[in-house]
Amino acid sequence: MKGTYTGLGVAFGAGLGLLVGILFLDTWWFGMAIGAAIGLVVGSLAEIAFRDRGSGGGA
C-alpha cells in the first residue's frame, strides 16, 4: 500500500492546520495549507522510513 502514510499525513496535517488556522490565525485556509504541506513532508518521511525498515535487509 504505497502512499498510505503520505495520504494520512496530508489529511491529518490539513485537519490540524484547519484547527490552528481557526484558533490562532486570522484565516482558516492559510493554516490548512501550511498543515497540508507539513503533513506531506512528514508523511513522506514516514513512508520512506517504514519502507526501508521493512525491506528485509538487502545488501
Protein backbone atom coordinates (compact mmCIF):
# COMPACT_ATOMS: atom_id res chain seq x y z
CA MET A 1 0.00 0.00 0.00
CA LYS A 2 2.23 2.74 -1.28
CA GLY A 3 1.34 6.26 -0.25
CA THR A 4 -0.71 5.36 2.80
CA TYR A 5 1.39 7.32 5.27
CA THR A 6 1.75 10.22 2.85
CA GLY A 7 -2.01 10.43 2.39
CA LEU A 8 -2.66 10.18 6.09
CA GLY A 9 -0.04 12.85 6.74
CA VAL A 10 -1.72 15.24 4.32
CA ALA A 11 -5.19 14.54 5.73
CA PHE A 12 -4.20 14.90 9.39
CA GLY A 13 -1.96 17.87 8.63
CA ALA A 14 -4.78 19.68 6.85
CA GLY A 15 -7.19 18.89 9.67
CA LEU A 16 -4.86 20.08 12.39
CA GLY A 17 -3.90 23.09 10.28
CA LEU A 18 -7.58 23.95 9.95
CA LEU A 19 -7.96 23.95 13.73
CA VAL A 20 -4.81 26.02 14.21
CA GLY A 21 -5.93 28.42 11.50
CA ILE A 22 -9.32 28.91 13.12
CA LEU A 23 -7.95 29.28 16.65
CA PHE A 24 -4.72 31.23 16.18
CA LEU A 25 -4.58 32.71 12.68
CA ASP A 26 -6.87 35.18 11.00
CA THR A 27 -7.94 32.85 8.19
CA TRP A 28 -8.67 29.12 8.21
CA TRP A 29 -7.34 28.35 4.72
CA PHE A 30 -3.83 29.59 5.46
CA GLY A 31 -3.49 27.19 8.40
CA MET A 32 -4.86 24.32 6.33
CA ALA A 33 -2.38 24.96 3.52
CA ILE A 34 0.56 25.07 5.92
CA GLY A 35 -0.68 21.95 7.74
CA ALA A 36 -1.12 20.03 4.49
CA ALA A 37 2.40 20.96 3.37
CA ILE A 38 3.90 19.88 6.69
CA GLY A 39 1.82 16.70 6.64
CA LEU A 40 3.05 15.91 3.14
CA VAL A 41 6.67 16.14 4.24
CA VAL A 42 6.16 14.19 7.48
CA GLY A 43 4.07 11.52 5.75
CA SER A 44 6.65 11.10 3.01
CA LEU A 45 9.43 10.72 5.56
CA ALA A 46 7.38 8.12 7.44
CA GLU A 47 6.73 6.29 4.17
CA ILE A 48 10.46 6.15 3.43
CA ALA A 49 11.35 5.11 6.98
CA PHE A 50 8.85 2.25 7.13
CA ARG A 51 9.72 1.09 3.62
CA ASP A 52 13.43 0.90 4.43
CA ARG A 53 12.86 -0.77 7.78
CA GLY A 54 10.53 -3.43 6.40
CA SER A 55 12.59 -4.31 3.33
CA GLY A 56 14.16 -7.37 4.95
CA GLY A 57 17.83 -6.48 4.87
CA GLY A 58 19.17 -6.48 1.37
CA ALA A 59 22.81 -5.84 0.53
